Amino acid sequence: MSGTENTSRNAWGINGVLGMLIATALLLTILVFLVSWAIKVQNREASHFYDPEPIVSNLDNIKMNSRKNANFAFQDVKEEKKR
């Protein structure tokens, strides 16, 4: 049985501690990138927030069940603007 034993093991090889360190450093780098990107997006969106004024400014004339309510809701882009 001693002939089949693997005696060329290396704890500092790419499959050992060095590989774990490289994988950990790579994962931490990805984490730092994604967190910094999320903070930048959050800061940008906090200063350019969505203005609902065109939609909620004229809700007094809307009836509960009416086909005219579509005039006050989000509408799809016109065909000529899609191209």
C-alpha atoms as a PDB file:
ATOM      1  CA  MET A   1       0.000   0.000   0.000  1.00  0.00           C
ATOM      2  CA  SER A   2       2.864   2.380   0.515  1.00  0.00           C
ATOM      3  CA  GLY A   3       3.470   2.454  -3.227  1.00  0.00           C
ATOM      4  CA  THR A   4       0.167   4.265  -3.896  1.00  0.00           C
ATOM      5  CA  GLU A   5       0.601   6.967  -1.257  1.00  0.00           C
ATOM      6  CA  ASN A   6       0.990  10.518  -2.533  1.00  0.00           C
ATOM      7  CA  THR A   7       4.228  11.841  -1.078  1.00  0.00           C
ATOM      8  CA  SER A   8       4.525  14.950  -3.278  1.00  0.00           C
ATOM      9  CA  ARG A   9       2.080  17.050  -1.283  1.00  0.00           C
ATOM     10  CA  ASN A  10       2.711  20.768  -0.979  1.00  0.00           C
ATOM     11  CA  ALA A  11       0.759  22.816   1.566  1.00  0.00           C
ATOM     12  CA  TRP A  12       1.838  26.078  -0.110  1.00  0.00           C
ATOM     13  CA  GLY A  13       0.846  24.997  -3.629  1.00  0.00           C
ATOM     14  CA  ILE A  14      -2.041  26.422  -5.638  1.00  0.00           C
ATOM     15  CA  ASN A  15      -4.353  23.755  -4.152  1.00  0.00           C
ATOM     16  CA  GLY A  16      -3.239  24.519  -0.599  1.00  0.00           C
ATOM     17  CA  VAL A  17      -2.897  27.608   1.551  1.00  0.00           C
ATOM     18  CA  LEU A  18      -1.745  29.811  -1.327  1.00  0.00           C
ATOM     19  CA  GLY A  19      -4.840  28.905  -3.338  1.00  0.00           C
ATOM     20  CA  MET A  20      -7.082  29.729  -0.394  1.00  0.00           C
ATOM     21  CA  LEU A  21      -5.346  33.075   0.068  1.00  0.00           C
ATOM     22  CA  ILE A  22      -5.731  33.921  -3.622  1.00  0.00           C
ATOM     23  CA  ALA A  23      -9.425  32.956  -3.588  1.00  0.00           C
ATOM     24  CA  THR A  24     -10.048  34.973  -0.408  1.00  0.00           C
ATOM     25  CA  ALA A  25      -8.264  38.027  -1.799  1.00  0.00           C
ATOM     26  CA  LEU A  26     -10.229  37.755  -5.046  1.00  0.00           C
ATOM     27  CA  LEU A  27     -13.554  37.476  -3.206  1.00  0.00           C
ATOM     28  CA  LEU A  28     -12.709  40.428  -0.947  1.00  0.00           C
ATOM     29  CA  THR A  29     -11.725  42.512  -3.990  1.00  0.00           C
ATOM     30  CA  ILE A  30     -15.045  41.730  -5.664  1.00  0.00           C
ATOM     31  CA  LEU A  31     -16.880  42.580  -2.444  1.00  0.00           C
ATOM     32  CA  VAL A  32     -15.110  45.938  -2.099  1.00  0.00           C
ATOM     33  CA  PHE A  33     -15.855  46.785  -5.731  1.00  0.00           C
ATOM     34  CA  LEU A  34     -19.557  45.931  -5.456  1.00  0.00           C
ATOM     35  CA  VAL A  35     -20.007  47.787  -2.158  1.00  0.00           C
ATOM     36  CA  SER A  36     -18.274  50.920  -3.470  1.00  0.00           C
ATOM     37  CA  TRP A  37     -20.348  50.754  -6.671  1.00  0.00           C
ATOM     38  CA  ALA A  38     -23.551  50.400  -4.623  1.00  0.00           C
ATOM     39  CA  ILE A  39     -22.621  53.424  -2.498  1.00  0.00           C
ATOM     40  CA  LYS A  40     -21.960  55.514  -5.620  1.00  0.00           C
ATOM     41  CA  VAL A  41     -25.303  54.485  -7.142  1.00  0.00           C
ATOM     42  CA  GLN A  42     -27.113  55.232  -3.882  1.00  0.00           C
ATOM     43  CA  ASN A  43     -25.560  58.704  -3.649  1.00  0.00           C
ATOM     44  CA  ARG A  44     -26.394  59.467  -7.271  1.00  0.00           C
ATOM     45  CA  GLU A  45     -29.995  58.314  -6.942  1.00  0.00           C
ATOM     46  CA  ALA A  46     -30.482  60.146  -3.642  1.00  0.00           C
ATOM     47  CA  SER A  47     -29.800  63.459  -5.336  1.00  0.00           C
ATOM     48  CA  HIS A  48     -31.755  62.687  -8.548  1.00  0.00           C
ATOM     49  CA  PHE A  49     -34.856  61.060  -7.166  1.00  0.00           C
ATOM     50  CA  TYR A  50     -38.010  60.305  -9.124  1.00  0.00           C
ATOM     51  CA  ASP A  51     -40.531  63.162  -9.269  1.00  0.00           C
ATOM     52  CA  PRO A  52     -44.099  61.785  -9.120  1.00  0.00           C
ATOM     53  CA  GLU A  53     -45.665  65.231  -9.600  1.00  0.00           C
ATOM     54  CA  PRO A  54     -46.991  64.657 -13.161  1.00  0.00           C
ATOM     55  CA  ILE A  55     -48.878  61.566 -11.979  1.00  0.00           C
ATOM     56  CA  VAL A  56     -50.229  62.593  -8.585  1.00  0.00           C
ATOM     57  CA  SER A  57     -50.838  66.268  -9.293  1.00  0.00           C
ATOM     58  CA  ASN A  58     -54.300  65.780 -10.797  1.00  0.00           C
ATOM     59  CA  LEU A  59     -55.927  62.858  -8.981  1.00  0.00           C
ATOM     60  CA  ASP A  60     -59.049  64.733  -7.894  1.00  0.00           C
ATOM     61  CA  ASN A  61     -61.044  63.868 -11.024  1.00  0.00           C
ATOM     62  CA  ILE A  62     -60.238  60.179 -11.093  1.00  0.00           C
ATOM     63  CA  LYS A  63     -63.166  57.861 -10.451  1.00  0.00           C
ATOM     64  CA  MET A  64     -62.719  54.476  -8.881  1.00  0.00           C
ATOM     65  CA  ASN A  65     -63.670  52.452 -11.986  1.00  0.00           C
ATOM     66  CA  SER A  66     -63.188  54.398 -15.171  1.00  0.00           C
ATOM     67  CA  ARG A  67     -61.447  53.863 -18.496  1.00  0.00           C
ATOM     68  CA  LYS A  68     -60.270  57.484 -18.345  1.00  0.00           C
ATOM     69  CA  ASN A  69     -57.900  56.561 -15.509  1.00  0.00           C
ATOM     70  CA  ALA A  70     -55.434  55.369 -18.162  1.00  0.00           C
ATOM     71  CA  ASN A  71     -54.763  59.035 -18.948  1.00  0.00           C
ATOM     72  CA  PHE A  72     -53.267  59.464 -15.482  1.00  0.00           C
ATOM     73  CA  ALA A  73     -51.223  56.251 -15.341  1.00  0.00           C
ATOM     74  CA  PHE A  74     -47.897  55.294 -16.840  1.00  0.00           C
ATOM     75  CA  GLN A  75     -48.176  54.983 -20.580  1.00  0.00           C
ATOM     76  CA  ASP A  76     -46.061  53.058 -23.034  1.00  0.00           C
ATOM     77  CA  VAL A  77     -43.620  54.844 -25.307  1.00  0.00           C
ATOM     78  CA  LYS A  78     -45.019  55.800 -28.705  1.00  0.00           C
ATOM     79  CA  GLU A  79     -44.028  53.584 -31.629  1.00  0.00           C
ATOM     80  CA  GLU A  80     -42.011  56.269 -33.383  1.00  0.00           C
ATOM     81  CA  LYS A  81     -39.991  56.938 -30.224  1.00  0.00           C
ATOM     82  CA  LYS A  82     -39.098  53.279 -29.742  1.00  0.00           C
ATOM     83  CA  ARG A  83     -36.936  53.195 -32.862  1.00  0.00           C
END
